[in-house]
Amino acid sequence: MKTQLLNVSRDSIKLACDILKSGDVVAIPTETVYGLFADATKSEACLNIFKAKDRPQDNPLIVHISDYEMLSEVAAEIPDDAIKLADAFWPGPLTIILKKSILIPDSVSAGLDTAGIRMPSNPVVLEIISKTRLPLAGPSANRSGRPSPTDAQTVYNDMNGRIPLIIDGGSCDIGVESTVVSLAGEKPILFRPGFITKEQLEEVLGKEVILSKGISEELKSDDKVLSPGLKHKHYAPKREVTIVNAPFEKYRELCEKDGAVALCFDEYVDRLNVKCVSYGGEKDSASQAVKLFSALRKLDEIKAEKVYAMMPSTEGVGLAVYNRLLRSAAFRVVNL
């Protein structure tokens, strides 16, 4: 298969719409990361996503919509809390898990009776959804287990020969996947942290949002999950990463003693006597989110054998960064 990499234009958007209507897959930018999209109402189309990514089929996909009319088509139940969150954060980087309608096949939901639904804010993907009038199922546009792509060239490196088209809409603004909150049970549960924080959700809902144990703990292989990003290998470079929770001097000593590459904050690059890859400012979790995935891929480019990562904050957006870094490190954390 020949993969076309095209800039955003009237012609490329029309081509993307035609491919999606035919049941195939297109990589399209969102505000979070690039997504690999197919018609969420067609099981065969969605199976092409799993094939292109080598993605396990027990890992559910997120359904992307462009308006509230489409929400009523893909969700069987829309509680008041869902409207509150949608009014506050859509279009934007929030996925809400709801009871799905019969329009959404089991291949999208991994056999569950729920589906994650979101309205992205990137104008390119919004235009394509609006023009096709198709809800689009889509995970990140990378090979399964690899760091998510935040630019079109990275998508091409992973997906060349696997999909027909990549739309190049430039770099993504946010850099980590959407926040995922479930409203399908008695209490709201945060399954995947993102740019929309737990505190922001609680402020809008006026109630506690429970943190899923899968955010900071490795789940068992037979655990059922409602959200992508909770099990299986995710976000990982080819080499071993370990998070080091330690004062700077101890972190530096460990890196130098073991000859490890430092995955560090920008401020410390000039203070370390080992090879460094930085991933944002120490006090700037938003910049860490933007830079993390490209930094993880950089580790492969420089052929890092052992990587020690500085521990990010676990507050606000920092929780999203920590969650992705923790999974990339296969939950290896050293506390000094």
C-alpha atoms as a PDB file:
ATOM      1  CA  MET A   1       0.000   0.000   0.000  1.00  0.00           C
ATOM      2  CA  LYS A   2       1.217   3.486  -0.865  1.00  0.00           C
ATOM      3  CA  THR A   3       0.765   6.000   1.944  1.00  0.00           C
ATOM      4  CA  GLN A   4       0.173   9.609   0.908  1.00  0.00           C
ATOM      5  CA  LEU A   5       1.320  12.397   3.237  1.00  0.00           C
ATOM      6  CA  LEU A   6      -0.607  15.541   2.286  1.00  0.00           C
ATOM      7  CA  ASN A   7      -0.904  19.028   3.713  1.00  0.00           C
ATOM      8  CA  VAL A   8      -4.325  20.317   4.722  1.00  0.00           C
ATOM      9  CA  SER A   9      -6.226  21.534   1.644  1.00  0.00           C
ATOM     10  CA  ARG A  10      -9.669  21.323   0.120  1.00  0.00           C
ATOM     11  CA  ASP A  11      -8.513  18.386  -2.020  1.00  0.00           C
ATOM     12  CA  SER A  12      -6.829  16.447   0.810  1.00  0.00           C
ATOM     13  CA  ILE A  13      -9.859  16.862   3.070  1.00  0.00           C
ATOM     14  CA  LYS A  14     -12.147  15.625   0.281  1.00  0.00           C
ATOM     15  CA  LEU A  15      -9.836  12.635  -0.249  1.00  0.00           C
ATOM     16  CA  ALA A  16      -9.888  11.874   3.491  1.00  0.00           C
ATOM     17  CA  CYS A  17     -13.693  11.999   3.496  1.00  0.00           C
ATOM     18  CA  ASP A  18     -13.882   9.655   0.496  1.00  0.00           C
ATOM     19  CA  ILE A  19     -11.481   7.150   2.076  1.00  0.00           C
ATOM     20  CA  LEU A  20     -13.387   7.151   5.367  1.00  0.00           C
ATOM     21  CA  LYS A  21     -16.714   6.646   3.572  1.00  0.00           C
ATOM     22  CA  SER A  22     -15.183   3.704   1.690  1.00  0.00           C
ATOM     23  CA  GLY A  23     -14.376   1.958   4.992  1.00  0.00           C
ATOM     24  CA  ASP A  24     -10.632   2.597   5.154  1.00  0.00           C
ATOM     25  CA  VAL A  25      -8.390   4.436   7.612  1.00  0.00           C
ATOM     26  CA  VAL A  26      -6.931   7.977   7.654  1.00  0.00           C
ATOM     27  CA  ALA A  27      -4.481   9.597  10.090  1.00  0.00           C
ATOM     28  CA  ILE A  28      -5.699  13.063  11.081  1.00  0.00           C
ATOM     29  CA  PRO A  29      -4.385  15.593  13.621  1.00  0.00           C
ATOM     30  CA  THR A  30      -6.293  16.444  16.784  1.00  0.00           C
ATOM     31  CA  GLU A  31      -5.380  18.958  19.478  1.00  0.00           C
ATOM     32  CA  THR A  32      -3.968  16.125  21.619  1.00  0.00           C
ATOM     33  CA  VAL A  33      -2.110  13.710  19.312  1.00  0.00           C
ATOM     34  CA  TYR A  34      -2.565  12.433  15.759  1.00  0.00           C
ATOM     35  CA  GLY A  35      -5.393   9.902  15.513  1.00  0.00           C
ATOM     36  CA  LEU A  36      -5.954   6.891  13.278  1.00  0.00           C
ATOM     37  CA  PHE A  37      -9.595   7.172  12.233  1.00  0.00           C
ATOM     38  CA  ALA A  38     -12.272   5.000  10.656  1.00  0.00           C
ATOM     39  CA  ASP A  39     -16.081   4.932  10.509  1.00  0.00           C
ATOM     40  CA  ALA A  40     -17.148   4.086  14.067  1.00  0.00           C
ATOM     41  CA  THR A  41     -20.389   2.504  12.844  1.00  0.00           C
ATOM     42  CA  LYS A  42     -18.696  -0.104  10.636  1.00  0.00           C
ATOM     43  CA  SER A  43     -16.986  -3.024  12.336  1.00  0.00           C
ATOM     44  CA  GLU A  44     -14.855  -3.915   9.297  1.00  0.00           C
ATOM     45  CA  ALA A  45     -13.585  -0.347   8.995  1.00  0.00           C
ATOM     46  CA  CYS A  46     -12.594  -0.279  12.666  1.00  0.00           C
ATOM     47  CA  LEU A  47     -10.831  -3.623  12.388  1.00  0.00           C
ATOM     48  CA  ASN A  48      -8.562  -1.941   9.836  1.00  0.00           C
ATOM     49  CA  ILE A  49      -7.375   0.333  12.663  1.00  0.00           C
ATOM     50  CA  PHE A  50      -6.406  -2.641  14.830  1.00  0.00           C
ATOM     51  CA  LYS A  51      -4.601  -4.216  11.862  1.00  0.00           C
ATOM     52  CA  ALA A  52      -2.659  -1.065  10.984  1.00  0.00           C
ATOM     53  CA  LYS A  53      -1.568  -0.525  14.603  1.00  0.00           C
ATOM     54  CA  ASP A  54      -1.059  -4.194  15.576  1.00  0.00           C
ATOM     55  CA  ARG A  55      -3.386  -3.231  18.426  1.00  0.00           C
ATOM     56  CA  PRO A  56      -4.947  -5.811  20.795  1.00  0.00           C
ATOM     57  CA  GLN A  57      -8.700  -5.986  20.171  1.00  0.00           C
ATOM     58  CA  ASP A  58      -9.546  -5.866  23.894  1.00  0.00           C
ATOM     59  CA  ASN A  59      -8.327  -2.255  23.930  1.00  0.00           C
ATOM     60  CA  PRO A  60     -11.373  -0.027  23.218  1.00  0.00           C
ATOM     61  CA  LEU A  61     -11.396   2.877  20.755  1.00  0.00           C
ATOM     62  CA  ILE A  62     -12.721   6.396  21.349  1.00  0.00           C
ATOM     63  CA  VAL A  63     -15.619   7.699  19.243  1.00  0.00           C
ATOM     64  CA  HIS A  64     -15.132  11.243  17.918  1.00  0.00           C
ATOM     65  CA  ILE A  65     -18.100  13.463  17.076  1.00  0.00           C
ATOM     66  CA  SER A  66     -18.606  17.007  15.807  1.00  0.00           C
ATOM     67  CA  ASP A  67     -21.906  18.102  17.435  1.00  0.00           C
ATOM     68  CA  TYR A  68     -24.551  17.244  20.029  1.00  0.00           C
ATOM     69  CA  GLU A  69     -26.838  15.652  17.440  1.00  0.00           C
ATOM     70  CA  MET A  70     -24.157  13.055  16.825  1.00  0.00           C
ATOM     71  CA  LEU A  71     -23.813  12.512  20.591  1.00  0.00           C
ATOM     72  CA  SER A  72     -27.454  11.457  20.770  1.00  0.00           C
ATOM     73  CA  GLU A  73     -26.806   8.975  17.957  1.00  0.00           C
ATOM     74  CA  VAL A  74     -23.830   7.193  19.539  1.00  0.00           C
ATOM     75  CA  ALA A  75     -24.872   7.264  23.229  1.00  0.00           C
ATOM     76  CA  ALA A  76     -27.823   5.290  24.570  1.00  0.00           C
ATOM     77  CA  GLU A  77     -27.992   7.356  27.750  1.00  0.00           C
ATOM     78  CA  ILE A  78     -26.850  10.957  28.285  1.00  0.00           C
ATOM     79  CA  PRO A  79     -26.928  11.856  32.001  1.00  0.00           C
ATOM     80  CA  ASP A  80     -27.056  15.451  33.186  1.00  0.00           C
ATOM     81  CA  ASP A  81     -23.420  15.242  34.295  1.00  0.00           C
ATOM     82  CA  ALA A  82     -22.392  14.477  30.715  1.00  0.00           C
ATOM     83  CA  ILE A  83     -24.080  17.647  29.485  1.00  0.00           C
ATOM     84  CA  LYS A  84     -22.353  19.654  32.225  1.00  0.00           C
ATOM     85  CA  LEU A  85     -18.939  18.356  31.195  1.00  0.00           C
ATOM     86  CA  ALA A  86     -19.626  18.692  27.468  1.00  0.00           C
ATOM     87  CA  ASP A  87     -20.789  22.300  27.891  1.00  0.00           C
ATOM     88  CA  ALA A  88     -17.653  23.078  29.895  1.00  0.00           C
ATOM     89  CA  PHE A  89     -14.976  21.273  27.892  1.00  0.00           C
ATOM     90  CA  TRP A  90     -16.201  20.422  24.367  1.00  0.00           C
ATOM     91  CA  PRO A  91     -14.862  20.833  21.813  1.00  0.00           C
ATOM     92  CA  GLY A  92     -11.698  19.836  23.642  1.00  0.00           C
ATOM     93  CA  PRO A  93      -9.499  17.109  25.139  1.00  0.00           C
ATOM     94  CA  LEU A  94     -12.121  15.298  27.235  1.00  0.00           C
ATOM     95  CA  THR A  95     -13.518  11.819  26.581  1.00  0.00           C
ATOM     96  CA  ILE A  96     -16.715  10.837  28.408  1.00  0.00           C
ATOM     97  CA  ILE A  97     -17.553   7.136  28.798  1.00  0.00           C
ATOM     98  CA  LEU A  98     -21.300   6.528  28.388  1.00  0.00           C
ATOM     99  CA  LYS A  99     -23.615   3.644  27.612  1.00  0.00           C
ATOM    100  CA  LYS A 100     -23.270   3.180  23.861  1.00  0.00           C
ATOM    101  CA  SER A 101     -26.064   3.023  21.298  1.00  0.00           C
ATOM    102  CA  ILE A 102     -26.607   0.083  18.931  1.00  0.00           C
ATOM    103  CA  LEU A 103     -24.904   2.173  16.250  1.00  0.00           C
ATOM    104  CA  ILE A 104     -21.487   1.442  17.804  1.00  0.00           C
ATOM    105  CA  PRO A 105     -20.249  -2.123  17.147  1.00  0.00           C
ATOM    106  CA  ASP A 106     -18.497  -4.304  19.707  1.00  0.00           C
ATOM    107  CA  SER A 107     -15.219  -3.997  17.794  1.00  0.00           C
ATOM    108  CA  VAL A 108     -15.068  -0.333  18.892  1.00  0.00           C
ATOM    109  CA  SER A 109     -15.982  -0.947  22.542  1.00  0.00           C
ATOM    110  CA  ALA A 110     -14.002  -4.186  23.020  1.00  0.00           C
ATOM    111  CA  GLY A 111     -17.293  -5.967  23.679  1.00  0.00           C
ATOM    112  CA  LEU A 112     -18.396  -3.576  26.422  1.00  0.00           C
ATOM    113  CA  ASP A 113     -21.774  -1.839  26.580  1.00  0.00           C
ATOM    114  CA  THR A 114     -20.035   1.518  26.934  1.00  0.00           C
ATOM    115  CA  ALA A 115     -18.000   3.752  24.641  1.00  0.00           C
ATOM    116  CA  GLY A 116     -15.686   6.683  25.180  1.00  0.00           C
ATOM    117  CA  ILE A 117     -16.963   9.718  23.272  1.00  0.00           C
ATOM    118  CA  ARG A 118     -15.352  13.086  22.635  1.00  0.00           C
ATOM    119  CA  MET A 119     -15.667  16.187  20.473  1.00  0.00           C
ATOM    120  CA  PRO A 120     -12.151  17.263  19.429  1.00  0.00           C
ATOM    121  CA  SER A 121     -11.319  20.943  18.947  1.00  0.00           C
ATOM    122  CA  ASN A 122      -8.815  20.643  16.087  1.00  0.00           C
ATOM    123  CA  PRO A 123     -10.544  22.268  13.072  1.00  0.00           C
ATOM    124  CA  VAL A 124      -9.238  19.695  10.572  1.00  0.00           C
ATOM    125  CA  VAL A 125     -10.732  16.634  12.240  1.00  0.00           C
ATOM    126  CA  LEU A 126     -13.896  18.552  13.120  1.00  0.00           C
ATOM    127  CA  GLU A 127     -14.394  19.518   9.469  1.00  0.00           C
ATOM    128  CA  ILE A 128     -13.893  15.937   8.292  1.00  0.00           C
ATOM    129  CA  ILE A 129     -16.369  14.546  10.837  1.00  0.00           C
ATOM    130  CA  SER A 130     -18.889  17.242   9.910  1.00  0.00           C
ATOM    131  CA  LYS A 131     -18.548  16.668   6.168  1.00  0.00           C
ATOM    132  CA  THR A 132     -18.795  12.876   6.336  1.00  0.00           C
ATOM    133  CA  ARG A 133     -21.467  12.932   9.065  1.00  0.00           C
ATOM    134  CA  LEU A 134     -19.692   9.866  10.426  1.00  0.00           C
ATOM    135  CA  PRO A 135     -18.688   9.385  14.048  1.00  0.00           C
ATOM    136  CA  LEU A 136     -15.031   8.390  13.796  1.00  0.00           C
ATOM    137  CA  ALA A 137     -13.380   5.763  15.987  1.00  0.00           C
ATOM    138  CA  GLY A 138      -9.771   6.554  16.609  1.00  0.00           C
ATOM    139  CA  PRO A 139      -6.790   5.719  18.810  1.00  0.00           C
ATOM    140  CA  SER A 140      -3.433   7.451  18.472  1.00  0.00           C
ATOM    141  CA  ALA A 141      -1.773   6.997  15.057  1.00  0.00           C
ATOM    142  CA  ASN A 142       1.266   4.975  16.119  1.00  0.00           C
ATOM    143  CA  ARG A 143       2.258   1.336  16.116  1.00  0.00           C
ATOM    144  CA  SER A 144       0.859  -0.264  19.254  1.00  0.00           C
ATOM    145  CA  GLY A 145       3.031   0.266  22.321  1.00  0.00           C
ATOM    146  CA  ARG A 146       5.070   3.120  20.840  1.00  0.00           C
ATOM    147  CA  PRO A 147       4.923   6.756  22.003  1.00  0.00           C
ATOM    148  CA  SER A 148       1.962   8.606  20.497  1.00  0.00           C
ATOM    149  CA  PRO A 149       2.744  10.895  17.533  1.00  0.00           C
ATOM    150  CA  THR A 150       2.386  14.663  17.761  1.00  0.00           C
ATOM    151  CA  ASP A 151       3.465  15.451  14.183  1.00  0.00           C
ATOM    152  CA  ALA A 152       2.726  13.970  10.772  1.00  0.00           C
ATOM    153  CA  GLN A 153       6.263  12.787   9.994  1.00  0.00           C
ATOM    154  CA  THR A 154       6.256  10.594  13.097  1.00  0.00           C
ATOM    155  CA  VAL A 155       2.947   9.090  11.938  1.00  0.00           C
ATOM    156  CA  TYR A 156       4.510   8.412   8.537  1.00  0.00           C
ATOM    157  CA  ASN A 157       7.509   6.703  10.154  1.00  0.00           C
ATOM    158  CA  ASP A 158       5.157   4.289  11.950  1.00  0.00           C
ATOM    159  CA  MET A 159       2.379   3.921   9.370  1.00  0.00           C
ATOM    160  CA  ASN A 160       4.024   4.092   5.937  1.00  0.00           C
ATOM    161  CA  GLY A 161       2.603   1.232   3.865  1.00  0.00           C
ATOM    162  CA  ARG A 162      -0.114   0.481   6.427  1.00  0.00           C
ATOM    163  CA  ILE A 163      -2.710   3.180   5.706  1.00  0.00           C
ATOM    164  CA  PRO A 164      -3.643   5.130   2.540  1.00  0.00           C
ATOM    165  CA  LEU A 165      -3.474   8.721   3.824  1.00  0.00           C
ATOM    166  CA  ILE A 166      -1.976  11.001   6.483  1.00  0.00           C
ATOM    167  CA  ILE A 167      -3.188  14.600   6.734  1.00  0.00           C
ATOM    168  CA  ASP A 168      -0.365  16.913   7.878  1.00  0.00           C
ATOM    169  CA  GLY A 169      -1.909  19.577  10.092  1.00  0.00           C
ATOM    170  CA  GLY A 170       1.298  20.550  11.880  1.00  0.00           C
ATOM    171  CA  SER A 171       2.253  19.817  15.476  1.00  0.00           C
ATOM    172  CA  CYS A 172      -0.394  19.054  18.089  1.00  0.00           C
ATOM    173  CA  ASP A 173      -1.012  21.701  20.742  1.00  0.00           C
ATOM    174  CA  ILE A 174      -1.438  19.545  23.864  1.00  0.00           C
ATOM    175  CA  GLY A 175       0.746  16.476  23.306  1.00  0.00           C
ATOM    176  CA  VAL A 176      -0.935  13.868  25.531  1.00  0.00           C
ATOM    177  CA  GLU A 177      -4.163  12.033  24.826  1.00  0.00           C
ATOM    178  CA  SER A 178      -7.514  13.207  26.149  1.00  0.00           C
ATOM    179  CA  THR A 179      -8.676  12.932  29.727  1.00  0.00           C
ATOM    180  CA  VAL A 180     -11.065   9.954  30.055  1.00  0.00           C
ATOM    181  CA  VAL A 181     -13.840  10.061  32.668  1.00  0.00           C
ATOM    182  CA  SER A 182     -16.598   7.473  33.030  1.00  0.00           C
ATOM    183  CA  LEU A 183     -20.176   8.498  33.789  1.00  0.00           C
ATOM    184  CA  ALA A 184     -21.516   5.018  33.103  1.00  0.00           C
ATOM    185  CA  GLY A 185     -21.661   4.010  36.774  1.00  0.00           C
ATOM    186  CA  GLU A 186     -22.922   5.441  40.042  1.00  0.00           C
ATOM    187  CA  LYS A 187     -19.906   7.726  40.532  1.00  0.00           C
ATOM    188  CA  PRO A 188     -17.642   9.520  38.044  1.00  0.00           C
ATOM    189  CA  ILE A 189     -14.309   7.731  37.635  1.00  0.00           C
ATOM    190  CA  LEU A 190     -11.182   9.201  36.046  1.00  0.00           C
ATOM    191  CA  PHE A 191      -9.603   6.440  33.982  1.00  0.00           C
ATOM    192  CA  ARG A 192      -6.964   8.403  32.083  1.00  0.00           C
ATOM    193  CA  PRO A 193      -5.594  11.785  33.210  1.00  0.00           C
ATOM    194  CA  GLY A 194      -5.018  14.449  30.597  1.00  0.00           C
ATOM    195  CA  PHE A 195      -5.010  18.192  30.023  1.00  0.00           C
ATOM    196  CA  ILE A 196      -8.443  18.483  31.665  1.00  0.00           C
ATOM    197  CA  THR A 197      -7.612  17.764  35.298  1.00  0.00           C
ATOM    198  CA  LYS A 198      -9.420  15.918  38.081  1.00  0.00           C
ATOM    199  CA  GLU A 199      -9.875  19.225  39.891  1.00  0.00           C
ATOM    200  CA  GLN A 200     -11.502  20.852  36.852  1.00  0.00           C
ATOM    201  CA  LEU A 201     -13.918  17.941  36.480  1.00  0.00           C
ATOM    202  CA  GLU A 202     -14.873  18.108  40.150  1.00  0.00           C
ATOM    203  CA  GLU A 203     -15.442  21.852  39.958  1.00  0.00           C
ATOM    204  CA  VAL A 204     -17.920  21.451  37.083  1.00  0.00           C
ATOM    205  CA  LEU A 205     -19.687  18.390  38.509  1.00  0.00           C
ATOM    206  CA  GLY A 206     -19.764  19.580  42.102  1.00  0.00           C
ATOM    207  CA  LYS A 207     -18.798  16.125  43.332  1.00  0.00           C
ATOM    208  CA  GLU A 208     -15.779  13.876  43.853  1.00  0.00           C
ATOM    209  CA  VAL A 209     -14.199  12.166  40.856  1.00  0.00           C
ATOM    210  CA  ILE A 210     -12.632   8.831  41.802  1.00  0.00           C
ATOM    211  CA  LEU A 211      -9.187   7.932  40.447  1.00  0.00           C
ATOM    212  CA  SER A 212      -8.962   4.527  38.762  1.00  0.00           C
ATOM    213  CA  LYS A 213      -6.225   2.308  40.172  1.00  0.00           C
ATOM    214  CA  GLY A 214      -5.031   1.759  36.581  1.00  0.00           C
ATOM    215  CA  ILE A 215      -3.613   5.303  36.517  1.00  0.00           C
ATOM    216  CA  SER A 216      -0.746   4.401  38.829  1.00  0.00           C
ATOM    217  CA  GLU A 217      -0.851   0.583  39.039  1.00  0.00           C
ATOM    218  CA  GLU A 218      -0.276  -2.117  36.455  1.00  0.00           C
ATOM    219  CA  LEU A 219      -3.473  -4.024  35.727  1.00  0.00           C
ATOM    220  CA  LYS A 220      -3.663  -7.785  35.296  1.00  0.00           C
ATOM    221  CA  SER A 221      -3.809  -9.159  31.764  1.00  0.00           C
ATOM    222  CA  ASP A 222      -7.358 -10.448  32.243  1.00  0.00           C
ATOM    223  CA  ASP A 223      -8.741  -7.202  33.717  1.00  0.00           C
ATOM    224  CA  LYS A 224     -11.549  -5.622  31.692  1.00  0.00           C
ATOM    225  CA  VAL A 225     -10.922  -1.952  30.960  1.00  0.00           C
ATOM    226  CA  LEU A 226     -13.352   0.804  29.954  1.00  0.00           C
ATOM    227  CA  SER A 227     -10.663   3.132  28.633  1.00  0.00           C
ATOM    228  CA  PRO A 228      -7.687   2.869  26.288  1.00  0.00           C
ATOM    229  CA  GLY A 229      -4.260   3.334  27.853  1.00  0.00           C
ATOM    230  CA  LEU A 230      -4.885   1.203  30.949  1.00  0.00           C
ATOM    231  CA  LYS A 231      -3.311  -2.109  29.980  1.00  0.00           C
ATOM    232  CA  HIS A 232      -0.849  -3.505  27.469  1.00  0.00           C
ATOM    233  CA  LYS A 233       2.489  -1.861  26.764  1.00  0.00           C
ATOM    234  CA  HIS A 234       2.105   1.853  26.011  1.00  0.00           C
ATOM    235  CA  TYR A 235       4.192   4.903  25.115  1.00  0.00           C
ATOM    236  CA  ALA A 236       7.454   2.973  25.358  1.00  0.00           C
ATOM    237  CA  PRO A 237      10.736   3.589  23.553  1.00  0.00           C
ATOM    238  CA  LYS A 238      12.743   0.529  22.552  1.00  0.00           C
ATOM    239  CA  ARG A 239      15.163   0.896  25.468  1.00  0.00           C
ATOM    240  CA  GLU A 240      14.479   0.509  29.196  1.00  0.00           C
ATOM    241  CA  VAL A 241      13.272   3.574  31.083  1.00  0.00           C
ATOM    242  CA  THR A 242      13.276   3.940  34.875  1.00  0.00           C
ATOM    243  CA  ILE A 243      11.729   6.866  36.741  1.00  0.00           C
ATOM    244  CA  VAL A 244      13.993   8.199  39.506  1.00  0.00           C
ATOM    245  CA  ASN A 245      12.274  10.027  42.359  1.00  0.00           C
ATOM    246  CA  ALA A 246      15.205  11.723  44.062  1.00  0.00           C
ATOM    247  CA  PRO A 247      16.887  15.056  44.838  1.00  0.00           C
ATOM    248  CA  PHE A 248      18.969  16.313  41.915  1.00  0.00           C
ATOM    249  CA  GLU A 249      22.376  15.409  43.376  1.00  0.00           C
ATOM    250  CA  LYS A 250      21.354  11.799  43.952  1.00  0.00           C
ATOM    251  CA  TYR A 251      19.775  11.662  40.485  1.00  0.00           C
ATOM    252  CA  ARG A 252      23.000  12.943  38.910  1.00  0.00           C
ATOM    253  CA  GLU A 253      25.137  10.467  40.865  1.00  0.00           C
ATOM    254  CA  LEU A 254      22.960   7.551  39.733  1.00  0.00           C
ATOM    255  CA  CYS A 255      23.023   8.614  36.077  1.00  0.00           C
ATOM    256  CA  GLU A 256      26.811   9.002  36.120  1.00  0.00           C
ATOM    257  CA  LYS A 257      27.428   5.757  38.043  1.00  0.00           C
ATOM    258  CA  ASP A 258      25.292   3.674  35.657  1.00  0.00           C
ATOM    259  CA  GLY A 259      26.134   5.577  32.463  1.00  0.00           C
ATOM    260  CA  ALA A 260      22.459   6.229  31.791  1.00  0.00           C
ATOM    261  CA  VAL A 261      20.930   8.781  29.474  1.00  0.00           C
ATOM    262  CA  ALA A 262      19.074  11.438  31.496  1.00  0.00           C
ATOM    263  CA  LEU A 263      15.463  12.132  30.516  1.00  0.00           C
ATOM    264  CA  CYS A 264      15.393  15.387  32.427  1.00  0.00           C
ATOM    265  CA  PHE A 265      13.831  18.814  32.741  1.00  0.00           C
ATOM    266  CA  ASP A 266      15.177  21.650  30.594  1.00  0.00           C
ATOM    267  CA  GLU A 267      16.860  23.400  33.524  1.00  0.00           C
ATOM    268  CA  TYR A 268      19.187  20.485  34.285  1.00  0.00           C
ATOM    269  CA  VAL A 269      20.694  19.731  30.863  1.00  0.00           C
ATOM    270  CA  ASP A 270      23.795  21.849  31.519  1.00  0.00           C
ATOM    271  CA  ARG A 271      24.222  20.438  35.028  1.00  0.00           C
ATOM    272  CA  LEU A 272      24.540  16.788  34.030  1.00  0.00           C
ATOM    273  CA  ASN A 273      27.702  15.064  32.780  1.00  0.00           C
ATOM    274  CA  VAL A 274      25.813  12.428  30.799  1.00  0.00           C
ATOM    275  CA  LYS A 275      23.872  12.476  27.546  1.00  0.00           C
ATOM    276  CA  CYS A 276      20.532  14.238  28.080  1.00  0.00           C
ATOM    277  CA  VAL A 277      17.119  14.431  26.450  1.00  0.00           C
ATOM    278  CA  SER A 278      14.898  17.103  28.002  1.00  0.00           C
ATOM    279  CA  TYR A 279      11.108  17.035  28.198  1.00  0.00           C
ATOM    280  CA  GLY A 280       9.965  20.462  29.378  1.00  0.00           C
ATOM    281  CA  GLY A 281      10.376  22.801  32.300  1.00  0.00           C
ATOM    282  CA  GLU A 282      10.431  21.437  35.842  1.00  0.00           C
ATOM    283  CA  LYS A 283       7.516  23.601  37.004  1.00  0.00           C
ATOM    284  CA  ASP A 284       5.679  23.575  33.658  1.00  0.00           C
ATOM    285  CA  SER A 285       3.617  20.388  33.335  1.00  0.00           C
ATOM    286  CA  ALA A 286       1.942  21.667  30.153  1.00  0.00           C
ATOM    287  CA  SER A 287       5.322  21.953  28.401  1.00  0.00           C
ATOM    288  CA  GLN A 288       6.217  18.456  29.629  1.00  0.00           C
ATOM    289  CA  ALA A 289       2.996  17.124  28.084  1.00  0.00           C
ATOM    290  CA  VAL A 290       3.815  18.735  24.740  1.00  0.00           C
ATOM    291  CA  LYS A 291       7.388  17.411  24.647  1.00  0.00           C
ATOM    292  CA  LEU A 292       7.186  14.003  26.355  1.00  0.00           C
ATOM    293  CA  PHE A 293       6.347  11.721  23.433  1.00  0.00           C
ATOM    294  CA  SER A 294       8.863  13.281  21.043  1.00  0.00           C
ATOM    295  CA  ALA A 295      11.485  13.021  23.813  1.00  0.00           C
ATOM    296  CA  LEU A 296      10.726   9.320  24.270  1.00  0.00           C
ATOM    297  CA  ARG A 297      11.200   8.768  20.529  1.00  0.00           C
ATOM    298  CA  LYS A 298      14.434  10.790  20.636  1.00  0.00           C
ATOM    299  CA  LEU A 299      15.802   8.176  23.044  1.00  0.00           C
ATOM    300  CA  ASP A 300      15.533   5.608  20.254  1.00  0.00           C
ATOM    301  CA  GLU A 301      17.182   7.937  17.757  1.00  0.00           C
ATOM    302  CA  ILE A 302      20.264   8.294  19.974  1.00  0.00           C
ATOM    303  CA  LYS A 303      20.183   4.552  20.767  1.00  0.00           C
ATOM    304  CA  ALA A 304      19.991   5.050  24.529  1.00  0.00           C
ATOM    305  CA  GLU A 305      20.609   1.724  26.292  1.00  0.00           C
ATOM    306  CA  LYS A 306      19.502   2.776  29.777  1.00  0.00           C
ATOM    307  CA  VAL A 307      17.379   5.796  30.624  1.00  0.00           C
ATOM    308  CA  TYR A 308      16.746   7.461  33.971  1.00  0.00           C
ATOM    309  CA  ALA A 309      13.799   9.859  33.934  1.00  0.00           C
ATOM    310  CA  MET A 310      13.278  12.724  36.345  1.00  0.00           C
ATOM    311  CA  MET A 311      10.073  12.361  38.322  1.00  0.00           C
ATOM    312  CA  PRO A 312       7.354  14.843  37.256  1.00  0.00           C
ATOM    313  CA  SER A 313       4.678  16.316  39.499  1.00  0.00           C
ATOM    314  CA  THR A 314       1.564  14.237  40.092  1.00  0.00           C
ATOM    315  CA  GLU A 315      -0.673  17.287  40.447  1.00  0.00           C
ATOM    316  CA  GLY A 316      -2.898  18.807  37.761  1.00  0.00           C
ATOM    317  CA  VAL A 317      -1.618  18.175  34.228  1.00  0.00           C
ATOM    318  CA  GLY A 318       1.460  16.634  35.839  1.00  0.00           C
ATOM    319  CA  LEU A 319      -0.611  13.546  36.656  1.00  0.00           C
ATOM    320  CA  ALA A 320      -1.120  12.971  32.914  1.00  0.00           C
ATOM    321  CA  VAL A 321       2.629  13.292  32.290  1.00  0.00           C
ATOM    322  CA  TYR A 322       3.426  10.953  35.182  1.00  0.00           C
ATOM    323  CA  ASN A 323       0.865   8.395  33.972  1.00  0.00           C
ATOM    324  CA  ARG A 324       2.364   8.271  30.448  1.00  0.00           C
ATOM    325  CA  LEU A 325       5.928   8.195  31.753  1.00  0.00           C
ATOM    326  CA  LEU A 326       5.059   5.487  34.278  1.00  0.00           C
ATOM    327  CA  ARG A 327       3.637   3.267  31.523  1.00  0.00           C
ATOM    328  CA  SER A 328       6.606   3.940  29.250  1.00  0.00           C
ATOM    329  CA  ALA A 329       8.814   2.775  32.119  1.00  0.00           C
ATOM    330  CA  ALA A 330       6.730  -0.374  32.649  1.00  0.00           C
ATOM    331  CA  PHE A 331       6.049   0.922  36.196  1.00  0.00           C
ATOM    332  CA  ARG A 332       9.744   0.937  37.173  1.00  0.00           C
ATOM    333  CA  VAL A 333      10.294   3.655  39.822  1.00  0.00           C
ATOM    334  CA  VAL A 334      13.343   4.099  42.034  1.00  0.00           C
ATOM    335  CA  ASN A 335      12.872   6.183  45.189  1.00  0.00           C
ATOM    336  CA  LEU A 336      16.084   7.631  46.658  1.00  0.00           C
END
